[in-house]
Amino acid sequence: MIKFEQSDVKVVKSNEKVDIKLDEFHKLIFMLNKEGIPYEKADEPDDSSMDMKRIHYPQDNKFVCSVIFGHGSYGYEDGLLEIMGLLTDEEYKIDSVLGGLTAEDVFKRIKKHYEENKNDL
């Protein structure tokens, strides 16, 4: 079961229709859950000076991709995600992380890797 904090969602009411808008981090979690792709959520401790949300795919102790969303991450000011891992060779030549990504951008990378390696995970 996915638990969302009030700050994670935006509820828009119009003409008796209610739309729930998730931030990019929670959109990604929703997509991973829907496809059954493993990950572990690893939020920073409460005593951290940074409010950082993090997931590791496929798991904490053996992750291929770390996704972060919070103050200080590349793209946070625009509501976007940053990843470490699953970068192209060209992207890795520039930096070891890549930010400014949508949930869909990150999901495509993770899903491709999962489909190619799920028997080894």
N, C-alpha and C. Protein backbone atom coordinates (compact mmCIF):
# COMPACT_ATOMS: atom_id res chain seq x y z
N MET A 1 0.83 -1.17 0.00
CA MET A 1 0.00 0.00 0.00
C MET A 1 0.88 1.24 0.00
N ILE A 2 0.54 2.19 -0.84
CA ILE A 2 1.29 3.44 -0.93
C ILE A 2 0.64 4.45 -0.01
N LYS A 3 1.45 5.07 0.85
CA LYS A 3 0.95 6.15 1.71
C LYS A 3 1.52 7.45 1.18
N PHE A 4 0.65 8.43 1.01
CA PHE A 4 1.08 9.74 0.56
C PHE A 4 0.83 10.76 1.65
N GLU A 5 1.75 11.69 1.77
CA GLU A 5 1.57 12.82 2.66
C GLU A 5 0.76 13.87 1.92
N GLN A 6 0.11 14.75 2.65
CA GLN A 6 -0.69 15.79 2.03
C GLN A 6 0.14 16.64 1.08
N SER A 7 1.40 16.87 1.40
CA SER A 7 2.26 17.69 0.55
C SER A 7 2.65 16.97 -0.75
N ASP A 8 2.40 15.67 -0.85
CA ASP A 8 2.77 14.90 -2.03
C ASP A 8 1.76 15.01 -3.16
N VAL A 9 0.55 15.42 -2.85
CA VAL A 9 -0.52 15.41 -3.85
C VAL A 9 -1.18 16.78 -3.94
N LYS A 10 -1.75 17.03 -5.09
CA LYS A 10 -2.52 18.24 -5.30
C LYS A 10 -3.91 17.80 -5.77
N VAL A 11 -4.94 18.23 -5.09
CA VAL A 11 -6.31 17.86 -5.44
C VAL A 11 -6.94 19.03 -6.17
N VAL A 12 -7.46 18.76 -7.36
CA VAL A 12 -8.09 19.78 -8.17
C VAL A 12 -9.54 19.38 -8.38
N LYS A 13 -10.47 20.26 -7.98
CA LYS A 13 -11.90 19.97 -8.14
C LYS A 13 -12.46 20.87 -9.22
N SER A 14 -13.19 20.28 -10.14
CA SER A 14 -13.88 21.07 -11.16
C SER A 14 -15.06 20.27 -11.67
N ASN A 15 -16.22 20.88 -11.68
CA ASN A 15 -17.44 20.24 -12.17
C ASN A 15 -17.65 18.85 -11.57
N GLU A 16 -17.50 18.74 -10.27
CA GLU A 16 -17.72 17.51 -9.51
C GLU A 16 -16.72 16.40 -9.85
N LYS A 17 -15.66 16.73 -10.57
CA LYS A 17 -14.62 15.77 -10.87
C LYS A 17 -13.42 16.10 -9.99
N VAL A 18 -12.79 15.09 -9.44
CA VAL A 18 -11.63 15.30 -8.60
C VAL A 18 -10.42 14.67 -9.27
N ASP A 19 -9.42 15.48 -9.55
CA ASP A 19 -8.17 14.99 -10.10
C ASP A 19 -7.11 15.06 -9.02
N ILE A 20 -6.36 14.00 -8.86
CA ILE A 20 -5.26 14.00 -7.90
C ILE A 20 -3.97 14.04 -8.70
N LYS A 21 -3.18 15.07 -8.46
CA LYS A 21 -1.93 15.25 -9.18
C LYS A 21 -0.77 14.88 -8.24
N LEU A 22 0.01 13.90 -8.65
CA LEU A 22 1.17 13.48 -7.87
C LEU A 22 2.41 14.23 -8.34
N ASP A 23 3.35 14.44 -7.42
CA ASP A 23 4.62 15.01 -7.85
C ASP A 23 5.39 13.93 -8.63
N GLU A 24 6.47 14.32 -9.29
CA GLU A 24 7.21 13.39 -10.14
C GLU A 24 7.75 12.18 -9.37
N PHE A 25 8.18 12.39 -8.14
CA PHE A 25 8.70 11.29 -7.33
C PHE A 25 7.62 10.23 -7.11
N HIS A 26 6.43 10.66 -6.74
CA HIS A 26 5.35 9.72 -6.46
C HIS A 26 4.73 9.15 -7.73
N LYS A 27 4.81 9.89 -8.84
CA LYS A 27 4.41 9.32 -10.12
C LYS A 27 5.30 8.12 -10.45
N LEU A 28 6.61 8.28 -10.23
CA LEU A 28 7.55 7.20 -10.49
C LEU A 28 7.23 5.99 -9.63
N ILE A 29 7.00 6.20 -8.35
CA ILE A 29 6.65 5.09 -7.45
C ILE A 29 5.39 4.39 -7.95
N PHE A 30 4.39 5.16 -8.35
CA PHE A 30 3.15 4.58 -8.87
C PHE A 30 3.43 3.70 -10.09
N MET A 31 4.25 4.19 -11.02
CA MET A 31 4.56 3.44 -12.24
C MET A 31 5.35 2.16 -11.91
N LEU A 32 6.31 2.26 -11.01
CA LEU A 32 7.08 1.07 -10.63
C LEU A 32 6.18 0.03 -9.97
N ASN A 33 5.31 0.46 -9.08
CA ASN A 33 4.38 -0.47 -8.43
C ASN A 33 3.45 -1.13 -9.45
N LYS A 34 2.95 -0.35 -10.38
CA LYS A 34 2.02 -0.87 -11.39
C LYS A 34 2.67 -1.96 -12.22
N GLU A 35 3.96 -1.81 -12.53
CA GLU A 35 4.68 -2.79 -13.35
C GLU A 35 5.34 -3.89 -12.52
N GLY A 36 5.27 -3.78 -11.20
CA GLY A 36 5.89 -4.80 -10.34
C GLY A 36 7.40 -4.75 -10.34
N ILE A 37 7.96 -3.59 -10.58
CA ILE A 37 9.42 -3.44 -10.61
C ILE A 37 9.90 -3.15 -9.19
N PRO A 38 10.89 -3.93 -8.72
CA PRO A 38 11.34 -3.77 -7.33
C PRO A 38 12.13 -2.49 -7.10
N TYR A 39 11.96 -1.94 -5.92
CA TYR A 39 12.72 -0.77 -5.48
C TYR A 39 12.58 -0.70 -3.97
N GLU A 40 13.42 0.09 -3.35
CA GLU A 40 13.30 0.35 -1.92
C GLU A 40 13.32 1.84 -1.71
N LYS A 41 12.39 2.31 -0.91
CA LYS A 41 12.31 3.72 -0.57
C LYS A 41 13.28 3.96 0.57
N ALA A 42 14.08 5.00 0.45
CA ALA A 42 15.12 5.26 1.46
C ALA A 42 15.17 6.74 1.76
N ASP A 43 14.13 7.26 2.40
CA ASP A 43 14.11 8.68 2.76
C ASP A 43 15.25 8.99 3.71
N GLU A 44 15.73 10.20 3.64
CA GLU A 44 16.78 10.65 4.55
C GLU A 44 16.21 10.66 5.98
N PRO A 45 17.04 10.46 6.97
CA PRO A 45 16.56 10.49 8.36
C PRO A 45 15.94 11.84 8.73
N ASP A 46 15.04 11.81 9.70
CA ASP A 46 14.35 13.03 10.13
C ASP A 46 15.31 14.11 10.62
N ASP A 47 16.46 13.72 11.12
CA ASP A 47 17.40 14.72 11.65
C ASP A 47 18.29 15.33 10.55
N SER A 48 18.08 14.91 9.32
CA SER A 48 18.85 15.45 8.21
C SER A 48 18.45 16.90 7.95
N SER A 49 19.41 17.71 7.55
CA SER A 49 19.10 19.10 7.26
C SER A 49 18.46 19.25 5.88
N MET A 50 18.43 18.18 5.12
CA MET A 50 17.84 18.22 3.79
C MET A 50 16.60 17.34 3.76
N ASP A 51 15.54 17.84 3.19
CA ASP A 51 14.31 17.08 3.03
C ASP A 51 14.41 16.32 1.71
N MET A 52 15.02 15.15 1.74
CA MET A 52 15.33 14.42 0.52
C MET A 52 14.53 13.12 0.48
N LYS A 53 13.86 12.88 -0.65
CA LYS A 53 13.18 11.61 -0.88
C LYS A 53 14.07 10.82 -1.82
N ARG A 54 14.18 9.52 -1.57
CA ARG A 54 15.11 8.70 -2.35
C ARG A 54 14.54 7.31 -2.54
N ILE A 55 14.73 6.76 -3.74
CA ILE A 55 14.48 5.34 -3.93
C ILE A 55 15.70 4.72 -4.57
N HIS A 56 15.90 3.45 -4.27
CA HIS A 56 16.98 2.68 -4.89
C HIS A 56 16.34 1.53 -5.68
N TYR A 57 16.75 1.40 -6.91
CA TYR A 57 16.30 0.29 -7.76
C TYR A 57 17.48 -0.62 -7.96
N PRO A 58 17.37 -1.92 -7.81
CA PRO A 58 16.21 -2.64 -7.30
C PRO A 58 16.15 -2.72 -5.78
N GLN A 59 17.27 -2.44 -5.09
CA GLN A 59 17.23 -2.49 -3.62
C GLN A 59 18.38 -1.68 -3.06
N ASP A 60 18.28 -1.37 -1.76
CA ASP A 60 19.27 -0.51 -1.11
C ASP A 60 20.70 -1.02 -1.23
N ASN A 61 20.92 -2.26 -0.86
CA ASN A 61 22.30 -2.75 -0.75
C ASN A 61 22.90 -3.17 -2.10
N LYS A 62 22.12 -3.12 -3.16
CA LYS A 62 22.62 -3.51 -4.49
C LYS A 62 21.87 -2.70 -5.53
N PHE A 63 22.02 -1.37 -5.45
CA PHE A 63 21.22 -0.57 -6.37
C PHE A 63 21.95 -0.28 -7.68
N VAL A 64 21.16 -0.23 -8.73
CA VAL A 64 21.64 0.09 -10.06
C VAL A 64 21.37 1.56 -10.35
N CYS A 65 20.29 2.08 -9.74
CA CYS A 65 19.90 3.46 -9.95
C CYS A 65 19.36 4.03 -8.65
N SER A 66 19.84 5.20 -8.30
CA SER A 66 19.32 5.93 -7.15
C SER A 66 18.59 7.16 -7.70
N VAL A 67 17.36 7.36 -7.24
CA VAL A 67 16.55 8.49 -7.67
C VAL A 67 16.33 9.38 -6.47
N ILE A 68 16.63 10.67 -6.60
CA ILE A 68 16.41 11.58 -5.49
C ILE A 68 15.53 12.75 -5.91
N PHE A 69 14.84 13.29 -4.91
CA PHE A 69 13.95 14.43 -5.12
C PHE A 69 13.95 15.22 -3.82
N GLY A 70 14.51 16.40 -3.85
CA GLY A 70 14.54 17.21 -2.65
C GLY A 70 15.49 18.39 -2.82
N HIS A 71 15.52 19.23 -1.80
CA HIS A 71 16.37 20.42 -1.82
C HIS A 71 17.80 20.03 -2.13
N GLY A 72 18.36 20.68 -3.12
CA GLY A 72 19.74 20.42 -3.50
C GLY A 72 19.89 19.47 -4.68
N SER A 73 18.84 18.75 -5.05
CA SER A 73 18.96 17.86 -6.20
C SER A 73 18.75 18.65 -7.48
N TYR A 74 19.41 18.21 -8.56
CA TYR A 74 19.29 18.88 -9.85
C TYR A 74 17.87 18.71 -10.37
N GLY A 75 17.17 19.81 -10.57
CA GLY A 75 15.81 19.77 -11.09
C GLY A 75 14.73 19.96 -10.05
N TYR A 76 15.12 19.94 -8.77
CA TYR A 76 14.11 20.04 -7.70
C TYR A 76 13.27 21.31 -7.80
N GLU A 77 13.91 22.42 -8.10
CA GLU A 77 13.18 23.68 -8.16
C GLU A 77 12.08 23.66 -9.23
N ASP A 78 12.24 22.78 -10.21
CA ASP A 78 11.22 22.63 -11.26
C ASP A 78 10.34 21.41 -11.03
N GLY A 79 10.49 20.76 -9.87
CA GLY A 79 9.68 19.59 -9.56
C GLY A 79 10.13 18.32 -10.25
N LEU A 80 11.41 18.28 -10.66
CA LEU A 80 11.93 17.14 -11.43
C LEU A 80 12.91 16.31 -10.62
N LEU A 81 13.28 15.15 -11.16
CA LEU A 81 14.08 14.15 -10.46
C LEU A 81 15.54 14.16 -10.89
N GLU A 82 16.38 13.60 -10.03
CA GLU A 82 17.81 13.41 -10.32
C GLU A 82 18.12 11.94 -10.15
N ILE A 83 18.95 11.39 -11.05
CA ILE A 83 19.36 9.99 -10.92
C ILE A 83 20.87 9.86 -10.88
N MET A 84 21.32 8.79 -10.24
CA MET A 84 22.70 8.33 -10.30
C MET A 84 22.60 6.87 -10.74
N GLY A 85 23.21 6.55 -11.84
CA GLY A 85 23.10 5.21 -12.41
C GLY A 85 22.17 5.24 -13.61
N LEU A 86 22.32 4.24 -14.46
CA LEU A 86 21.53 4.12 -15.69
C LEU A 86 21.70 5.32 -16.61
N LEU A 87 22.91 5.89 -16.59
CA LEU A 87 23.22 6.99 -17.50
C LEU A 87 23.80 6.43 -18.80
N THR A 88 23.63 7.16 -19.88
CA THR A 88 24.29 6.78 -21.12
C THR A 88 25.77 7.13 -21.00
N ASP A 89 26.58 6.58 -21.90
CA ASP A 89 28.02 6.90 -21.88
C ASP A 89 28.25 8.39 -22.05
N GLU A 90 27.48 9.02 -22.92
CA GLU A 90 27.62 10.46 -23.15
C GLU A 90 27.25 11.26 -21.90
N GLU A 91 26.18 10.87 -21.24
CA GLU A 91 25.76 11.56 -20.01
C GLU A 91 26.81 11.39 -18.91
N TYR A 92 27.36 10.20 -18.81
CA TYR A 92 28.35 9.92 -17.76
C TYR A 92 29.65 10.71 -17.97
N LYS A 93 29.97 11.03 -19.23
CA LYS A 93 31.16 11.83 -19.51
C LYS A 93 31.03 13.24 -18.92
N ILE A 94 29.78 13.72 -18.81
CA ILE A 94 29.53 15.07 -18.30
C ILE A 94 29.49 15.09 -16.78
N ASP A 95 28.82 14.10 -16.16
CA ASP A 95 28.69 14.04 -14.70
C ASP A 95 28.24 12.64 -14.30
N SER A 96 28.39 12.32 -13.03
CA SER A 96 27.96 10.99 -12.54
C SER A 96 26.49 10.96 -12.17
N VAL A 97 25.82 12.12 -12.22
CA VAL A 97 24.39 12.20 -11.96
C VAL A 97 23.73 13.00 -13.09
N LEU A 98 22.42 12.84 -13.22
CA LEU A 98 21.67 13.56 -14.22
C LEU A 98 20.37 14.02 -13.59
N GLY A 99 20.10 15.30 -13.70
CA GLY A 99 18.87 15.85 -13.12
C GLY A 99 17.96 16.44 -14.17
N GLY A 100 16.84 16.99 -13.68
CA GLY A 100 15.88 17.60 -14.57
C GLY A 100 15.05 16.59 -15.35
N LEU A 101 14.85 15.39 -14.76
CA LEU A 101 14.13 14.32 -15.44
C LEU A 101 12.71 14.18 -14.91
N THR A 102 11.79 13.84 -15.79
CA THR A 102 10.42 13.54 -15.37
C THR A 102 10.35 12.11 -14.88
N ALA A 103 9.25 11.77 -14.24
CA ALA A 103 9.03 10.39 -13.80
C ALA A 103 9.06 9.45 -15.00
N GLU A 104 8.48 9.87 -16.11
CA GLU A 104 8.46 9.04 -17.32
C GLU A 104 9.86 8.79 -17.84
N ASP A 105 10.72 9.83 -17.82
CA ASP A 105 12.11 9.67 -18.26
C ASP A 105 12.83 8.60 -17.44
N VAL A 106 12.70 8.69 -16.13
CA VAL A 106 13.38 7.76 -15.23
C VAL A 106 12.77 6.37 -15.35
N PHE A 107 11.45 6.29 -15.42
CA PHE A 107 10.78 5.00 -15.52
C PHE A 107 11.23 4.24 -16.76
N LYS A 108 11.37 4.91 -17.89
CA LYS A 108 11.80 4.25 -19.12
C LYS A 108 13.17 3.60 -18.94
N ARG A 109 14.08 4.29 -18.27
CA ARG A 109 15.43 3.75 -18.04
C ARG A 109 15.38 2.52 -17.12
N ILE A 110 14.61 2.66 -16.03
CA ILE A 110 14.52 1.55 -15.08
C ILE A 110 13.82 0.36 -15.71
N LYS A 111 12.72 0.60 -16.40
CA LYS A 111 11.96 -0.51 -17.01
C LYS A 111 12.81 -1.24 -18.04
N LYS A 112 13.54 -0.51 -18.87
CA LYS A 112 14.42 -1.14 -19.87
C LYS A 112 15.44 -2.03 -19.17
N HIS A 113 16.08 -1.52 -18.13
CA HIS A 113 17.07 -2.31 -17.40
C HIS A 113 16.42 -3.53 -16.75
N TYR A 114 15.26 -3.34 -16.15
CA TYR A 114 14.56 -4.43 -15.48
C TYR A 114 14.20 -5.54 -16.46
N GLU A 115 13.65 -5.17 -17.61
CA GLU A 115 13.26 -6.17 -18.60
C GLU A 115 14.46 -6.95 -19.12
N GLU A 116 15.60 -6.30 -19.24
CA GLU A 116 16.81 -6.95 -19.73
C GLU A 116 17.52 -7.77 -18.66
N ASN A 117 17.26 -7.50 -17.36
CA ASN A 117 18.04 -8.13 -16.29
C ASN A 117 17.21 -8.75 -15.16
N LYS A 118 15.90 -8.86 -15.31
CA LYS A 118 15.06 -9.28 -14.18
C LYS A 118 15.42 -10.65 -13.65
N ASN A 119 15.96 -11.52 -14.45
CA ASN A 119 16.34 -12.86 -13.96
C ASN A 119 17.59 -12.81 -13.09
N ASP A 120 18.35 -11.74 -13.18
CA ASP A 120 19.58 -11.60 -12.41
C ASP A 120 19.44 -10.74 -11.18
N LEU A 121 18.26 -10.13 -11.00
CA LEU A 121 18.08 -9.22 -9.87
C LEU A 121 17.66 -9.96 -8.61
